[in-house]
Amino acid sequence: MDTSICNISYAVVLAILACSCSTGSDYSSASQGDIISSQDVKGVAGHVFNWQMNHHPKAAWNAGWMNAVLYIGITEAGKAFGDERYWQAAIDWAEFNNWKIGKRQIHADDQASAQVYLELYRRYRKEHMIADARKATESLLAINLRGRELWYWCDALFMSPPVLAKLSTTTGKAGYFWFLNNKFWDVYAYLYDPHEYLFFRDKQYFGVLDQNGNKVFWSRGNGWVLAGLVAILRELPESNERYNDYLNLYRKMISKIVYLQGNDGLWRTNLLSPDIYPNPETSGSGFYCYAIAWGINSGVLREEKYNAALNKGWEGLTSRITADGKLGWAQGVAQRPGPVSKDNSEIYATGAFLMAASEMYKLARVRNK
């Protein structure tokens, strides 16, 4: 672990911001007292956002899943902070892609960008913003596949189900929810381990044990699932017959994830055997902090039970931000546990961090009153 980065206090990070923090509070001491300034959260999020925008050339602005996650985080930050810079960044990316989703229109990875377009549509109400997303989703509804055939890897539960949920809420078409429930719970029956409260990444990990004799559960994979569950629960009416099932699954997974949290607040890529790849990892950890903070904000998790884990996770994430705003320690594109390096940054890790920051900001505003 790189102590030169880990020992950068939150106050030092914020001090270099050109336009942010007025508090100058030290993050470490604040977190110990369970008080995190909303302005500090907004400031460090803006710092990471600025770094990412300055290191993300247009040549990389495709409509694939990696960018989708980044801009989902950006739109969440825009909603939370009320800062037009985030909304404009999302519009610029969407217009660059002509409001089209990925080329494989029924593949979950290429549907994720529709989540961004739907958020922009909700704000600006221009039909062309979701025309391609609606067309692709109608094609998806015509597919006669079981959930485990359509979404056969756990990452897919973040990429596609939230699109269906958002479209149902946005358009009033109940058929999207029906399709979502039908497919999601078949994937659950296929990939979920009811003894561990975790999802296998895909079928190739059934019955596989690692060198410690433990089942193999990938951190970011389960982060995808939890972030997807949050997106579904935000949209699904409580009156829906499956609402409580989603909520109970979310709570069980959160309980297990918190139990597996590292002493430094972050999670390792191999959830049950953290010693195999002992370095912390920020993309999965970002999703976990996001999911926990949302649960506290929405009242479905007890703050007194989960507050310490959340604060520790947030401190762990912010301590992996370099002085210029780069979020490091992100595992590269993968489908299984693996090594992590301090210098590796990924746009989806930034997206997860901004999602976590949006919920931390809401929580801090309530606490700071």
Protein backbone atom coordinates (compact mmCIF):
# COMPACT_ATOMS: atom_id res chain seq x y z
CA MET A 1 0.00 0.00 0.00
CA ASP A 2 1.33 3.44 -0.91
CA THR A 3 1.54 5.52 2.24
CA SER A 4 2.34 8.70 0.34
CA ILE A 5 -1.17 8.62 -1.05
CA CYS A 6 -2.93 7.08 1.93
CA ASN A 7 -1.57 9.70 4.29
CA ILE A 8 -2.83 12.65 2.26
CA SER A 9 -5.49 14.08 4.52
CA TYR A 10 -8.80 15.17 3.21
CA ALA A 11 -7.93 18.75 4.09
CA VAL A 12 -4.79 18.64 1.94
CA VAL A 13 -6.76 17.31 -1.02
CA LEU A 14 -9.32 20.05 -0.65
CA ALA A 15 -6.76 22.80 -0.13
CA ILE A 16 -5.58 22.51 -3.72
CA LEU A 17 -9.03 22.99 -5.18
CA ALA A 18 -9.29 26.23 -7.08
CA CYS A 19 -12.87 27.00 -6.21
CA SER A 20 -14.09 24.78 -3.46
CA CYS A 21 -13.88 24.28 0.21
CA SER A 22 -14.32 26.99 2.72
CA THR A 23 -14.24 24.70 5.74
CA GLY A 24 -10.68 23.40 5.53
CA SER A 25 -11.67 20.61 7.88
CA ASP A 26 -9.47 17.59 8.29
CA TYR A 27 -11.26 14.54 6.98
CA SER A 28 -9.69 12.01 9.32
CA SER A 29 -10.73 13.83 12.48
CA ALA A 30 -14.15 14.60 11.05
CA SER A 31 -14.90 10.99 10.25
CA GLN A 32 -13.92 9.88 13.73
CA GLY A 33 -16.60 12.17 15.08
CA ASP A 34 -19.14 10.93 12.54
CA ILE A 35 -19.36 14.40 10.99
CA ILE A 36 -18.59 14.83 7.30
CA SER A 37 -19.13 18.22 5.74
CA SER A 38 -21.42 18.27 2.71
CA GLN A 39 -19.20 20.95 1.19
CA ASP A 40 -16.17 18.74 1.67
CA VAL A 41 -17.94 15.91 -0.16
CA LYS A 42 -18.96 18.23 -2.97
CA GLY A 43 -15.44 19.64 -3.17
CA VAL A 44 -13.60 16.33 -3.41
CA ALA A 45 -16.16 15.02 -5.92
CA GLY A 46 -15.57 18.08 -8.08
CA HIS A 47 -11.83 17.56 -7.85
CA VAL A 48 -12.11 13.96 -9.07
CA PHE A 49 -14.60 15.01 -11.76
CA ASN A 50 -12.24 17.71 -13.05
CA TRP A 51 -9.31 15.31 -13.21
CA GLN A 52 -11.36 12.76 -15.10
CA MET A 53 -12.70 15.25 -17.63
CA ASN A 54 -9.18 16.47 -18.27
CA HIS A 55 -8.00 12.90 -18.91
CA HIS A 56 -10.86 11.60 -21.04
CA PRO A 57 -10.37 12.56 -24.71
CA LYS A 58 -13.28 12.51 -27.16
CA ALA A 59 -11.71 9.58 -28.98
CA ALA A 60 -12.76 7.49 -25.96
CA TRP A 61 -16.34 8.81 -25.78
CA ASN A 62 -18.11 5.70 -27.07
CA ALA A 63 -21.52 4.56 -25.78
CA GLY A 64 -20.19 1.39 -24.17
CA TRP A 65 -20.63 0.29 -20.58
CA MET A 66 -17.45 1.91 -19.23
CA ASN A 67 -18.53 5.38 -20.28
CA ALA A 68 -22.10 4.64 -19.24
CA VAL A 69 -20.98 4.03 -15.65
CA LEU A 70 -18.93 7.22 -15.63
CA TYR A 71 -21.82 9.32 -16.86
CA ILE A 72 -24.33 7.62 -14.57
CA GLY A 73 -22.08 8.86 -11.77
CA ILE A 74 -21.90 12.29 -13.37
CA THR A 75 -25.69 12.61 -13.64
CA GLU A 76 -26.10 11.44 -10.04
CA ALA A 77 -23.63 14.14 -8.98
CA GLY A 78 -25.49 16.69 -11.07
CA LYS A 79 -28.75 15.87 -9.33
CA ALA A 80 -27.23 15.93 -5.86
CA PHE A 81 -25.03 19.01 -6.17
CA GLY A 82 -27.18 21.13 -8.48
CA ASP A 83 -24.09 21.88 -10.54
CA GLU A 84 -24.67 22.46 -14.25
CA ARG A 85 -21.12 21.37 -15.14
CA TYR A 86 -22.09 17.75 -14.54
CA TRP A 87 -25.25 17.99 -16.63
CA GLN A 88 -23.39 19.69 -19.48
CA ALA A 89 -20.70 16.99 -19.46
CA ALA A 90 -23.40 14.33 -19.77
CA ILE A 91 -25.14 16.20 -22.59
CA ASP A 92 -21.88 16.62 -24.48
CA TRP A 93 -21.22 12.88 -24.29
CA ALA A 94 -24.79 11.96 -25.25
CA GLU A 95 -24.76 14.30 -28.24
CA PHE A 96 -21.39 12.94 -29.32
CA ASN A 97 -23.08 9.52 -29.50
CA ASN A 98 -26.21 10.93 -31.17
CA TRP A 99 -28.25 9.62 -28.22
CA LYS A 100 -27.64 6.08 -29.43
CA ILE A 101 -26.92 3.14 -27.14
CA GLY A 102 -24.24 0.59 -27.99
CA LYS A 103 -24.26 -1.38 -31.23
CA ARG A 104 -25.36 -4.68 -29.63
CA GLN A 105 -28.75 -3.35 -28.68
CA ILE A 106 -30.03 -6.37 -26.76
CA HIS A 107 -26.72 -6.97 -24.97
CA ALA A 108 -26.84 -5.60 -21.43
CA ASP A 109 -23.44 -3.91 -21.64
CA ASP A 110 -24.60 -1.82 -24.58
CA GLN A 111 -27.89 -0.86 -22.94
CA ALA A 112 -26.32 0.83 -19.91
CA SER A 113 -25.94 4.18 -21.67
CA ALA A 114 -29.73 4.42 -21.81
CA GLN A 115 -29.69 5.09 -18.05
CA VAL A 116 -27.88 8.35 -18.73
CA TYR A 117 -30.18 9.32 -21.58
CA LEU A 118 -33.22 8.67 -19.39
CA GLU A 119 -31.90 10.93 -16.64
CA LEU A 120 -31.26 13.65 -19.20
CA TYR A 121 -34.74 13.17 -20.65
CA ARG A 122 -36.29 13.52 -17.22
CA ARG A 123 -34.53 16.86 -16.85
CA TYR A 124 -34.95 18.30 -20.35
CA ARG A 125 -37.99 16.40 -21.74
CA LYS A 126 -36.85 16.07 -25.34
CA GLU A 127 -38.13 12.89 -26.99
CA HIS A 128 -35.10 12.33 -29.21
CA MET A 129 -33.04 11.73 -26.10
CA ILE A 130 -34.66 8.34 -25.44
CA ALA A 131 -35.91 7.35 -28.89
CA ASP A 132 -33.15 4.82 -29.51
CA ALA A 133 -33.33 3.50 -25.94
CA ARG A 134 -37.07 2.89 -26.26
CA LYS A 135 -36.67 1.19 -29.62
CA ALA A 136 -33.95 -1.10 -28.33
CA THR A 137 -35.92 -1.95 -25.20
CA GLU A 138 -38.98 -2.88 -27.23
CA SER A 139 -36.76 -5.26 -29.19
CA LEU A 140 -35.50 -6.67 -25.90
CA LEU A 141 -39.05 -7.37 -24.73
CA ALA A 142 -39.59 -9.49 -27.82
CA ILE A 143 -36.68 -11.78 -26.95
CA ASN A 144 -37.80 -15.22 -25.82
CA LEU A 145 -34.93 -16.11 -23.48
CA ARG A 146 -34.79 -17.01 -19.83
CA GLY A 147 -33.18 -14.45 -17.56
CA ARG A 148 -30.13 -16.65 -17.07
CA GLU A 149 -29.68 -16.80 -20.83
CA LEU A 150 -30.15 -13.09 -21.40
CA TRP A 151 -28.22 -11.81 -18.36
CA TYR A 152 -25.88 -14.72 -17.74
CA TRP A 153 -23.20 -12.71 -15.91
CA CYS A 154 -23.85 -10.71 -12.75
CA ASP A 155 -22.54 -7.41 -14.18
CA ALA A 156 -25.60 -7.39 -16.43
CA LEU A 157 -27.83 -6.74 -13.42
CA PHE A 158 -26.44 -3.22 -13.26
CA MET A 159 -26.42 -2.60 -17.00
CA SER A 160 -29.90 -3.54 -18.20
CA PRO A 161 -32.50 -3.90 -15.38
CA PRO A 162 -32.25 -0.22 -14.33
CA VAL A 163 -33.08 0.79 -17.90
CA LEU A 164 -36.28 -1.23 -17.75
CA ALA A 165 -37.15 0.20 -14.35
CA LYS A 166 -36.49 3.80 -15.40
CA LEU A 167 -38.44 3.36 -18.64
CA SER A 168 -41.42 1.93 -16.81
CA THR A 169 -41.51 4.85 -14.39
CA THR A 170 -40.87 7.40 -17.13
CA THR A 171 -43.38 6.10 -19.68
CA GLY A 172 -45.95 4.50 -17.38
CA LYS A 173 -45.66 1.21 -19.26
CA ALA A 174 -46.03 -1.58 -16.69
CA GLY A 175 -44.76 -4.21 -19.12
CA TYR A 176 -41.18 -3.11 -18.53
CA PHE A 177 -41.49 -3.94 -14.83
CA TRP A 178 -43.05 -7.29 -15.62
CA PHE A 179 -40.20 -8.19 -17.95
CA LEU A 180 -37.64 -7.00 -15.40
CA ASN A 181 -39.11 -9.08 -12.58
CA ASN A 182 -39.40 -12.17 -14.73
CA LYS A 183 -35.80 -12.08 -15.93
CA PHE A 184 -34.12 -10.77 -12.78
CA TRP A 185 -35.40 -13.47 -10.48
CA ASP A 186 -34.39 -16.20 -12.88
CA VAL A 187 -30.84 -14.81 -12.80
CA TYR A 188 -31.08 -14.73 -9.02
CA ALA A 189 -32.00 -18.42 -8.95
CA TYR A 190 -29.03 -19.13 -11.20
CA LEU A 191 -26.14 -17.01 -9.88
CA TYR A 192 -26.99 -16.22 -6.26
CA ASP A 193 -25.49 -18.28 -3.44
CA PRO A 194 -28.06 -18.25 -0.60
CA HIS A 195 -25.47 -19.45 1.90
CA GLU A 196 -23.00 -16.62 1.23
CA TYR A 197 -25.50 -13.88 0.27
CA LEU A 198 -23.36 -13.14 -2.79
CA PHE A 199 -23.56 -13.59 -6.56
CA PHE A 200 -21.19 -15.68 -8.62
CA ARG A 201 -19.91 -13.72 -11.58
CA ASP A 202 -21.10 -16.43 -14.00
CA LYS A 203 -21.43 -20.19 -14.27
CA GLN A 204 -17.71 -20.85 -14.67
CA TYR A 205 -17.31 -20.20 -10.93
CA PHE A 206 -19.86 -22.77 -9.80
CA GLY A 207 -18.07 -25.30 -7.61
CA VAL A 208 -14.70 -23.55 -7.97
CA LEU A 209 -12.58 -23.01 -4.85
CA ASP A 210 -9.62 -20.67 -4.56
CA GLN A 211 -6.25 -21.57 -3.04
CA ASN A 212 -7.69 -20.97 0.44
CA GLY A 213 -10.53 -23.37 -0.18
CA ASN A 214 -13.13 -20.61 -0.45
CA LYS A 215 -15.75 -20.01 -3.11
CA VAL A 216 -14.80 -17.29 -5.58
CA PHE A 217 -16.85 -14.10 -5.37
CA TRP A 218 -15.64 -11.06 -7.28
CA SER A 219 -15.92 -7.73 -5.50
CA ARG A 220 -16.84 -5.50 -8.44
CA GLY A 221 -19.28 -8.13 -9.68
CA ASN A 222 -21.24 -7.94 -6.45
CA GLY A 223 -20.87 -4.16 -6.54
CA TRP A 224 -22.60 -4.19 -9.91
CA VAL A 225 -25.47 -6.18 -8.41
CA LEU A 226 -25.92 -3.93 -5.38
CA ALA A 227 -25.80 -0.73 -7.43
CA GLY A 228 -28.33 -2.29 -9.80
CA LEU A 229 -30.60 -3.17 -6.89
CA VAL A 230 -30.48 0.43 -5.70
CA ALA A 231 -31.50 1.63 -9.15
CA ILE A 232 -34.41 -0.83 -9.24
CA LEU A 233 -35.61 0.02 -5.73
CA ARG A 234 -35.57 3.72 -6.57
CA GLU A 235 -38.00 3.15 -9.44
CA LEU A 236 -40.14 0.18 -8.43
CA PRO A 237 -43.39 1.09 -6.63
CA GLU A 238 -43.61 -0.37 -3.16
CA SER A 239 -46.92 -1.87 -4.24
CA ASN A 240 -45.16 -4.04 -6.84
CA GLU A 241 -45.38 -7.70 -5.91
CA ARG A 242 -41.60 -8.07 -6.05
CA TYR A 243 -40.59 -4.91 -4.22
CA ASN A 244 -40.02 -6.61 -0.86
CA ASP A 245 -38.04 -9.39 -2.53
CA TYR A 246 -35.62 -6.86 -4.01
CA LEU A 247 -35.40 -5.05 -0.69
CA ASN A 248 -34.71 -8.21 1.28
CA LEU A 249 -32.02 -9.27 -1.18
CA TYR A 250 -30.43 -5.84 -0.95
CA ARG A 251 -30.38 -5.96 2.84
CA LYS A 252 -28.90 -9.44 2.97
CA MET A 253 -26.13 -8.50 0.56
CA ILE A 254 -25.35 -5.28 2.42
CA SER A 255 -25.06 -7.19 5.69
CA LYS A 256 -22.56 -9.61 4.15
CA ILE A 257 -20.59 -6.91 2.36
CA VAL A 258 -20.15 -4.88 5.54
CA TYR A 259 -18.95 -8.01 7.32
CA LEU A 260 -16.28 -8.41 4.63
CA GLN A 261 -15.04 -4.82 4.74
CA GLY A 262 -11.30 -4.34 5.20
CA ASN A 263 -9.79 -2.56 8.18
CA ASP A 264 -8.87 0.36 5.91
CA GLY A 265 -12.50 0.72 4.83
CA LEU A 266 -12.12 -0.83 1.38
CA TRP A 267 -12.76 -4.24 -0.12
CA ARG A 268 -10.40 -6.61 -1.95
CA THR A 269 -11.14 -8.16 -5.32
CA ASN A 270 -11.60 -11.64 -3.82
CA LEU A 271 -14.28 -11.12 -1.21
CA LEU A 272 -13.86 -14.32 0.80
CA SER A 273 -10.07 -14.53 0.45
CA PRO A 274 -8.81 -10.94 0.63
CA ASP A 275 -5.26 -12.10 1.33
CA ILE A 276 -4.83 -13.54 -2.18
CA TYR A 277 -4.91 -10.05 -3.72
CA PRO A 278 -4.34 -7.89 -0.63
CA ASN A 279 -4.40 -4.43 -2.21
CA PRO A 280 -7.57 -2.34 -1.81
CA GLU A 281 -9.81 -1.82 -4.83
CA THR A 282 -11.83 1.33 -5.46
CA SER A 283 -14.46 0.46 -8.10
CA GLY A 284 -16.20 -2.25 -6.10
CA SER A 285 -15.69 -0.24 -2.92
CA GLY A 286 -17.29 2.80 -4.55
CA PHE A 287 -20.40 0.81 -5.41
CA TYR A 288 -20.61 -0.54 -1.86
CA CYS A 289 -20.36 2.91 -0.30
CA TYR A 290 -23.00 4.14 -2.73
CA ALA A 291 -25.37 1.30 -1.87
CA ILE A 292 -24.91 1.69 1.90
CA ALA A 293 -25.33 5.47 1.82
CA TRP A 294 -28.46 5.19 -0.32
CA GLY A 295 -29.94 2.71 2.14
CA ILE A 296 -29.40 5.06 5.06
CA ASN A 297 -30.73 8.04 3.10
CA SER A 298 -33.83 6.17 2.02
CA GLY A 299 -34.54 4.75 5.45
CA VAL A 300 -34.22 1.08 4.53
CA LEU A 301 -30.98 0.68 6.54
CA ARG A 302 -30.53 1.74 10.15
CA GLU A 303 -27.96 4.51 10.37
CA GLU A 304 -26.76 3.44 13.79
CA LYS A 305 -25.93 -0.01 12.42
CA TYR A 306 -24.18 1.00 9.19
CA ASN A 307 -22.85 4.49 9.79
CA ALA A 308 -19.39 3.41 10.99
CA ALA A 309 -18.84 1.14 7.99
CA LEU A 310 -19.97 3.86 5.60
CA ASN A 311 -17.72 6.52 7.09
CA LYS A 312 -14.78 4.14 7.08
CA GLY A 313 -15.46 3.25 3.45
CA TRP A 314 -15.71 6.90 2.41
CA GLU A 315 -12.46 7.71 4.19
CA GLY A 316 -10.83 4.75 2.46
CA LEU A 317 -11.97 5.98 -0.95
CA THR A 318 -10.91 9.58 -0.48
CA SER A 319 -7.49 8.51 0.82
CA ARG A 320 -6.86 6.86 -2.57
CA ILE A 321 -7.19 10.16 -4.43
CA THR A 322 -3.92 11.76 -5.47
CA ALA A 323 -3.20 15.45 -4.99
CA ASP A 324 -4.24 16.24 -8.57
CA GLY A 325 -7.58 14.42 -8.28
CA LYS A 326 -6.88 10.98 -9.72
CA LEU A 327 -8.68 8.08 -8.08
CA GLY A 328 -6.27 5.15 -8.12
CA TRP A 329 -6.32 1.53 -6.99
CA ALA A 330 -8.95 0.51 -9.56
CA GLN A 331 -8.93 -2.99 -10.98
CA GLY A 332 -8.80 -2.98 -14.75
CA VAL A 333 -11.45 -4.54 -16.97
CA ALA A 334 -11.91 -8.05 -15.66
CA GLN A 335 -14.40 -10.75 -14.76
CA ARG A 336 -12.73 -12.25 -11.71
CA PRO A 337 -10.61 -11.32 -8.69
CA GLY A 338 -7.17 -10.09 -9.62
CA PRO A 339 -4.30 -7.76 -8.73
CA VAL A 340 -4.69 -4.02 -8.28
CA SER A 341 -2.07 -1.28 -8.57
CA LYS A 342 -2.03 2.16 -6.96
CA ASP A 343 -1.55 3.94 -10.30
CA ASN A 344 -4.42 2.37 -12.17
CA SER A 345 -7.46 4.58 -12.67
CA GLU A 346 -10.60 3.61 -14.58
CA ILE A 347 -13.53 5.71 -15.70
CA TYR A 348 -16.01 3.27 -14.19
CA ALA A 349 -14.27 3.64 -10.81
CA THR A 350 -14.71 7.41 -11.11
CA GLY A 351 -18.37 6.81 -11.92
CA ALA A 352 -18.81 4.62 -8.84
CA PHE A 353 -17.05 7.23 -6.70
CA LEU A 354 -19.34 10.01 -7.96
CA MET A 355 -22.36 7.83 -7.26
CA ALA A 356 -21.10 7.33 -3.70
CA ALA A 357 -20.35 11.05 -3.38
CA SER A 358 -23.89 11.97 -4.43
CA GLU A 359 -25.38 9.91 -1.62
CA MET A 360 -22.74 10.97 0.90
CA TYR A 361 -23.56 14.59 0.10
CA LYS A 362 -27.27 14.06 0.76
CA LEU A 363 -26.50 12.32 4.02
CA ALA A 364 -24.03 14.97 5.12
CA ARG A 365 -26.51 17.76 4.45
CA VAL A 366 -28.97 16.13 6.82
CA ARG A 367 -26.30 15.53 9.45
CA ASN A 368 -24.90 19.06 9.15
CA LYS A 369 -28.23 20.74 9.91
